[in-house]
PDB file of all heavy atoms in Angstrom:
ATOM      1  N   ALA A   1      69.930  62.564  68.759  1.00  0.00           N
ATOM      2  CA  ALA A   1      71.065  61.898  69.414  1.00  0.00           C
ATOM      3  C   ALA A   1      70.747  61.720  70.923  1.00  0.00           C
ATOM      4  O   ALA A   1      71.039  60.650  71.499  1.00  0.00           O
ATOM      5  CB  ALA A   1      72.341  62.696  69.275  1.00  0.00           C
ATOM      6  N   GLU A   2      70.170  62.723  71.553  1.00  0.00           N
ATOM      7  CA  GLU A   2      69.833  62.605  72.959  1.00  0.00           C
ATOM      8  C   GLU A   2      68.732  61.545  73.172  1.00  0.00           C
ATOM      9  O   GLU A   2      68.725  60.824  74.164  1.00  0.00           O
ATOM     10  CB  GLU A   2      69.401  63.980  73.508  1.00  0.00           C
ATOM     11  CG  GLU A   2      70.484  64.999  73.587  1.00  0.00           C
ATOM     12  CD  GLU A   2      71.602  64.616  74.579  1.00  0.00           C
ATOM     13  OE1 GLU A   2      71.269  64.000  75.619  1.00  0.00           O
ATOM     14  OE2 GLU A   2      72.803  64.837  74.232  1.00  0.00           O
ATOM     15  N   ARG A   3      67.808  61.510  72.249  1.00  0.00           N
ATOM     16  CA  ARG A   3      66.730  60.523  72.355  1.00  0.00           C
ATOM     17  C   ARG A   3      67.280  59.095  72.287  1.00  0.00           C
ATOM     18  O   ARG A   3      66.924  58.225  73.075  1.00  0.00           O
ATOM     19  CB  ARG A   3      65.715  60.751  71.227  1.00  0.00           C
ATOM     20  CG  ARG A   3      64.607  59.708  71.150  1.00  0.00           C
ATOM     21  CD  ARG A   3      63.644  59.979  70.002  1.00  0.00           C
ATOM     22  NE  ARG A   3      62.607  58.975  69.913  1.00  0.00           N
ATOM     23  CZ  ARG A   3      62.739  57.855  69.243  1.00  0.00           C
ATOM     24  NH1 ARG A   3      63.850  57.569  68.612  1.00  0.00           N
ATOM     25  NH2 ARG A   3      61.717  56.976  69.244  1.00  0.00           N
ATOM     26  N   LYS A   4      68.195  58.866  71.350  1.00  0.00           N
ATOM     27  CA  LYS A   4      68.747  57.505  71.171  1.00  0.00           C
ATOM     28  C   LYS A   4      69.542  57.048  72.368  1.00  0.00           C
ATOM     29  O   LYS A   4      69.543  55.870  72.697  1.00  0.00           O
ATOM     30  CB  LYS A   4      69.584  57.465  69.930  1.00  0.00           C
ATOM     31  CG  LYS A   4      68.801  57.500  68.631  1.00  0.00           C
ATOM     32  CD  LYS A   4      69.687  57.568  67.416  1.00  0.00           C
ATOM     33  CE  LYS A   4      68.872  57.587  66.120  1.00  0.00           C
ATOM     34  NZ  LYS A   4      69.741  57.678  64.906  1.00  0.00           N
ATOM     35  N   LYS A   5      70.120  57.981  73.119  1.00  0.00           N
ATOM     36  CA  LYS A   5      70.868  57.598  74.339  1.00  0.00           C
ATOM     37  C   LYS A   5      69.911  56.943  75.370  1.00  0.00           C
ATOM     38  O   LYS A   5      70.335  56.121  76.139  1.00  0.00           O
ATOM     39  CB  LYS A   5      71.480  58.845  74.982  1.00  0.00           C
ATOM     40  CG  LYS A   5      72.655  59.475  74.299  1.00  0.00           C
ATOM     41  CD  LYS A   5      73.126  60.667  75.070  1.00  0.00           C
ATOM     42  CE  LYS A   5      74.275  61.391  74.405  1.00  0.00           C
ATOM     43  NZ  LYS A   5      74.657  62.574  75.180  1.00  0.00           N
ATOM     44  N   ARG A   6      68.657  57.370  75.310  1.00  0.00           N
ATOM     45  CA  ARG A   6      67.731  56.956  76.395  1.00  0.00           C
ATOM     46  C   ARG A   6      66.810  55.794  75.990  1.00  0.00           C
ATOM     47  O   ARG A   6      65.995  55.389  76.799  1.00  0.00           O
ATOM     48  CB  ARG A   6      66.917  58.185  76.765  1.00  0.00           C
ATOM     49  CG  ARG A   6      67.783  59.228  77.492  1.00  0.00           C
ATOM     50  CD  ARG A   6      67.148  60.636  77.496  1.00  0.00           C
ATOM     51  NE  ARG A   6      67.915  61.547  78.332  1.00  0.00           N
ATOM     52  CZ  ARG A   6      69.022  62.140  77.890  1.00  0.00           C
ATOM     53  NH1 ARG A   6      69.462  61.949  76.662  1.00  0.00           N
ATOM     54  NH2 ARG A   6      69.682  62.972  78.721  1.00  0.00           N
ATOM     55  N   LEU A   7      66.903  55.348  74.718  1.00  0.00           N
ATOM     56  CA  LEU A   7      66.060  54.224  74.331  1.00  0.00           C
ATOM     57  C   LEU A   7      66.494  52.940  74.978  1.00  0.00           C
ATOM     58  O   LEU A   7      67.696  52.623  75.056  1.00  0.00           O
ATOM     59  CB  LEU A   7      66.095  54.083  72.798  1.00  0.00           C
ATOM     60  CG  LEU A   7      65.385  55.142  71.967  1.00  0.00           C
ATOM     61  CD1 LEU A   7      65.642  54.946  70.503  1.00  0.00           C
ATOM     62  CD2 LEU A   7      63.916  55.148  72.274  1.00  0.00           C
ATOM     63  N   ARG A   8      65.571  52.201  75.466  1.00  0.00           N
ATOM     64  CA  ARG A   8      65.843  50.897  76.130  1.00  0.00           C
ATOM     65  C   ARG A   8      64.831  49.869  75.673  1.00  0.00           C
ATOM     66  O   ARG A   8      63.627  50.194  75.488  1.00  0.00           O
ATOM     67  CB  ARG A   8      65.750  51.012  77.615  1.00  0.00           C
ATOM     68  CG  ARG A   8      66.800  51.831  78.251  1.00  0.00           C
ATOM     69  CD  ARG A   8      66.658  52.055  79.735  1.00  0.00           C
ATOM     70  NE  ARG A   8      66.346  50.825  80.485  1.00  0.00           N
ATOM     71  CZ  ARG A   8      66.558  50.734  81.781  1.00  0.00           C
ATOM     72  NH1 ARG A   8      67.007  51.678  82.523  1.00  0.00           N
ATOM     73  NH2 ARG A   8      66.205  49.599  82.379  1.00  0.00           N
ATOM     74  N   PRO A   9      65.271  48.660  75.476  1.00  0.00           N
ATOM     75  CA  PRO A   9      64.292  47.591  74.972  1.00  0.00           C
ATOM     76  C   PRO A   9      63.239  47.246  75.990  1.00  0.00           C
ATOM     77  O   PRO A   9      62.162  46.760  75.565  1.00  0.00           O
ATOM     78  CB  PRO A   9      65.221  46.419  74.712  1.00  0.00           C
ATOM     79  CG  PRO A   9      66.414  46.633  75.519  1.00  0.00           C
ATOM     80  CD  PRO A   9      66.607  48.112  75.565  1.00  0.00           C
ATOM     81  N   ASP A  10      63.444  47.533  77.268  1.00  0.00           N
ATOM     82  CA  ASP A  10      62.437  47.129  78.261  1.00  0.00           C
ATOM     83  C   ASP A  10      61.359  48.204  78.419  1.00  0.00           C
ATOM     84  O   ASP A  10      60.359  47.926  79.088  1.00  0.00           O
ATOM     85  CB  ASP A  10      63.102  46.869  79.638  1.00  0.00           C
ATOM     86  CG  ASP A  10      64.070  47.923  80.063  1.00  0.00           C
ATOM     87  OD1 ASP A  10      64.293  48.869  79.326  1.00  0.00           O
ATOM     88  OD2 ASP A  10      64.569  47.820  81.224  1.00  0.00           O
ATOM     89  N   GLY A  11      61.498  49.365  77.812  1.00  0.00           N
ATOM     90  CA  GLY A  11      60.421  50.337  77.780  1.00  0.00           C
ATOM     91  C   GLY A  11      59.853  50.615  79.164  1.00  0.00           C
ATOM     92  O   GLY A  11      60.572  50.781  80.138  1.00  0.00           O
ATOM     93  N   PRO A  12      58.505  50.609  79.273  1.00  0.00           N
ATOM     94  CA  PRO A  12      57.910  50.916  80.571  1.00  0.00           C
ATOM     95  C   PRO A  12      58.212  49.910  81.690  1.00  0.00           C
ATOM     96  O   PRO A  12      58.066  50.191  82.863  1.00  0.00           O
ATOM     97  CB  PRO A  12      56.366  50.898  80.270  1.00  0.00           C
ATOM     98  CG  PRO A  12      56.280  51.118  78.780  1.00  0.00           C
ATOM     99  CD  PRO A  12      57.515  50.454  78.232  1.00  0.00           C
ATOM    100  N   THR A  13      58.641  48.711  81.315  1.00  0.00           N
ATOM    101  CA  THR A  13      58.881  47.690  82.305  1.00  0.00           C
ATOM    102  C   THR A  13      60.183  47.899  83.043  1.00  0.00           C
ATOM    103  O   THR A  13      60.506  47.142  83.961  1.00  0.00           O
ATOM    104  CB  THR A  13      58.913  46.256  81.644  1.00  0.00           C
ATOM    105  OG1 THR A  13      59.972  46.213  80.703  1.00  0.00           O
ATOM    106  CG2 THR A  13      57.607  45.945  80.953  1.00  0.00           C
ATOM    107  N   GLN A  14      60.920  48.989  82.725  1.00  0.00           N
ATOM    108  CA  GLN A  14      62.092  49.353  83.440  1.00  0.00           C
ATOM    109  C   GLN A  14      61.729  49.893  84.831  1.00  0.00           C
ATOM    110  O   GLN A  14      62.591  50.067  85.697  1.00  0.00           O
ATOM    111  CB  GLN A  14      62.937  50.384  82.743  1.00  0.00           C
ATOM    112  CG  GLN A  14      62.276  51.717  82.551  1.00  0.00           C
ATOM    113  CD  GLN A  14      63.039  52.657  81.705  1.00  0.00           C
ATOM    114  OE1 GLN A  14      63.932  53.419  82.165  1.00  0.00           O
ATOM    115  NE2 GLN A  14      62.734  52.652  80.378  1.00  0.00           N
ATOM    116  N   TYR A  15      60.412  50.168  85.021  1.00  0.00           N
ATOM    117  CA  TYR A  15      59.927  50.662  86.313  1.00  0.00           C
ATOM    118  C   TYR A  15      59.044  49.610  86.993  1.00  0.00           C
ATOM    119  O   TYR A  15      58.512  48.714  86.366  1.00  0.00           O
ATOM    120  CB  TYR A  15      59.082  51.928  86.083  1.00  0.00           C
ATOM    121  CG  TYR A  15      59.870  53.120  85.590  1.00  0.00           C
ATOM    122  CD1 TYR A  15      59.854  53.408  84.233  1.00  0.00           C
ATOM    123  CD2 TYR A  15      60.623  53.886  86.455  1.00  0.00           C
ATOM    124  CE1 TYR A  15      60.586  54.513  83.753  1.00  0.00           C
ATOM    125  CE2 TYR A  15      61.324  54.968  85.970  1.00  0.00           C
ATOM    126  CZ  TYR A  15      61.306  55.270  84.607  1.00  0.00           C
ATOM    127  OH  TYR A  15      62.029  56.318  84.176  1.00  0.00           O
ATOM    128  N   VAL A  16      58.886  49.806  88.327  1.00  0.00           N
ATOM    129  CA  VAL A  16      58.020  48.963  89.075  1.00  0.00           C
ATOM    130  C   VAL A  16      57.117  49.858  89.935  1.00  0.00           C
ATOM    131  O   VAL A  16      57.589  50.843  90.472  1.00  0.00           O
ATOM    132  CB  VAL A  16      58.804  47.985  89.986  1.00  0.00           C
ATOM    133  CG1 VAL A  16      59.763  48.733  90.939  1.00  0.00           C
ATOM    134  CG2 VAL A  16      57.891  47.075  90.764  1.00  0.00           C
ATOM    135  N   ASP A  17      55.821  49.555  89.981  1.00  0.00           N
ATOM    136  CA  ASP A  17      54.898  50.382  90.768  1.00  0.00           C
ATOM    137  C   ASP A  17      55.144  50.070  92.286  1.00  0.00           C
ATOM    138  O   ASP A  17      55.379  48.932  92.633  1.00  0.00           O
ATOM    139  CB  ASP A  17      53.449  50.052  90.414  1.00  0.00           C
ATOM    140  CG  ASP A  17      53.114  50.642  89.037  1.00  0.00           C
ATOM    141  OD1 ASP A  17      53.923  51.366  88.510  1.00  0.00           O
ATOM    142  OD2 ASP A  17      51.973  50.344  88.564  1.00  0.00           O
ATOM    143  N   LEU A  18      54.999  51.078  93.074  1.00  0.00           N
ATOM    144  CA  LEU A  18      55.173  50.926  94.490  1.00  0.00           C
ATOM    145  C   LEU A  18      53.884  50.399  95.153  1.00  0.00           C
ATOM    146  O   LEU A  18      52.821  50.673  94.677  1.00  0.00           O
ATOM    147  CB  LEU A  18      55.543  52.259  95.144  1.00  0.00           C
ATOM    148  CG  LEU A  18      56.898  52.871  94.795  1.00  0.00           C
ATOM    149  CD1 LEU A  18      57.048  54.194  95.555  1.00  0.00           C
ATOM    150  CD2 LEU A  18      58.014  51.935  95.162  1.00  0.00           C
ATOM    151  N   THR A  19      54.095  49.606  96.207  1.00  0.00           N
ATOM    152  CA  THR A  19      52.930  49.275  97.048  1.00  0.00           C
ATOM    153  C   THR A  19      53.048  50.078  98.322  1.00  0.00           C
ATOM    154  O   THR A  19      54.140  50.425  98.783  1.00  0.00           O
ATOM    155  CB  THR A  19      52.934  47.771  97.422  1.00  0.00           C
ATOM    156  OG1 THR A  19      54.240  47.462  98.010  1.00  0.00           O
ATOM    157  CG2 THR A  19      52.773  46.927  96.155  1.00  0.00           C
ATOM    158  N   ASP A  20      51.940  50.430  98.888  1.00  0.00           N
ATOM    159  CA  ASP A  20      51.950  51.317 100.059  1.00  0.00           C
ATOM    160  C   ASP A  20      52.345  50.620 101.337  1.00  0.00           C
ATOM    161  O   ASP A  20      51.837  49.517 101.608  1.00  0.00           O
ATOM    162  CB  ASP A  20      50.573  51.994 100.230  1.00  0.00           C
ATOM    163  CG  ASP A  20      50.371  53.114  99.240  1.00  0.00           C
ATOM    164  OD1 ASP A  20      51.390  53.855  99.020  1.00  0.00           O
ATOM    165  OD2 ASP A  20      49.277  53.279  98.708  1.00  0.00           O
ATOM    166  N   ASP A  21      53.183  51.264 102.071  1.00  0.00           N
ATOM    167  CA  ASP A  21      53.481  50.811 103.444  1.00  0.00           C
ATOM    168  C   ASP A  21      52.372  51.353 104.322  1.00  0.00           C
ATOM    169  O   ASP A  21      52.147  52.576 104.409  1.00  0.00           O
ATOM    170  CB  ASP A  21      54.841  51.386 103.862  1.00  0.00           C
ATOM    171  CG  ASP A  21      55.204  50.985 105.301  1.00  0.00           C
ATOM    172  OD1 ASP A  21      54.355  50.413 105.969  1.00  0.00           O
ATOM    173  OD2 ASP A  21      56.340  51.291 105.717  1.00  0.00           O
ATOM    174  N   PRO A  22      51.618  50.470 105.043  1.00  0.00           N
ATOM    175  CA  PRO A  22      50.562  50.990 105.888  1.00  0.00           C
ATOM    176  C   PRO A  22      51.006  52.060 106.890  1.00  0.00           C
ATOM    177  O   PRO A  22      50.195  52.919 107.286  1.00  0.00           O
ATOM    178  CB  PRO A  22      50.043  49.709 106.638  1.00  0.00           C
ATOM    179  CG  PRO A  22      50.463  48.569 105.768  1.00  0.00           C
ATOM    180  CD  PRO A  22      51.758  49.016 105.065  1.00  0.00           C
ATOM    181  N   ALA A  23      52.270  52.026 107.269  1.00  0.00           N
ATOM    182  CA  ALA A  23      52.746  53.021 108.181  1.00  0.00           C
ATOM    183  C   ALA A  23      52.645  54.436 107.654  1.00  0.00           C
ATOM    184  O   ALA A  23      52.507  55.417 108.393  1.00  0.00           O
ATOM    185  CB  ALA A  23      54.214  52.766 108.561  1.00  0.00           C
ATOM    186  N   TYR A  24      52.641  54.590 106.262  1.00  0.00           N
ATOM    187  CA  TYR A  24      52.546  55.893 105.693  1.00  0.00           C
ATOM    188  C   TYR A  24      51.217  56.545 105.986  1.00  0.00           C
ATOM    189  O   TYR A  24      51.129  57.794 106.057  1.00  0.00           O
ATOM    190  CB  TYR A  24      52.775  55.831 104.156  1.00  0.00           C
ATOM    191  CG  TYR A  24      52.577  57.202 103.530  1.00  0.00           C
ATOM    192  CD1 TYR A  24      53.579  58.143 103.591  1.00  0.00           C
ATOM    193  CD2 TYR A  24      51.379  57.551 102.921  1.00  0.00           C
ATOM    194  CE1 TYR A  24      53.434  59.371 103.041  1.00  0.00           C
ATOM    195  CE2 TYR A  24      51.219  58.821 102.343  1.00  0.00           C
ATOM    196  CZ  TYR A  24      52.260  59.747 102.442  1.00  0.00           C
ATOM    197  OH  TYR A  24      52.132  60.989 101.896  1.00  0.00           O
TER     198      TYR A  24
END
């Protein structure tokens, strides 16, 4: 039941990779 709450059709694409701010 807990697993099903968290299933989403977009899978890994729900995230976006960060690009580095040169200031860091």
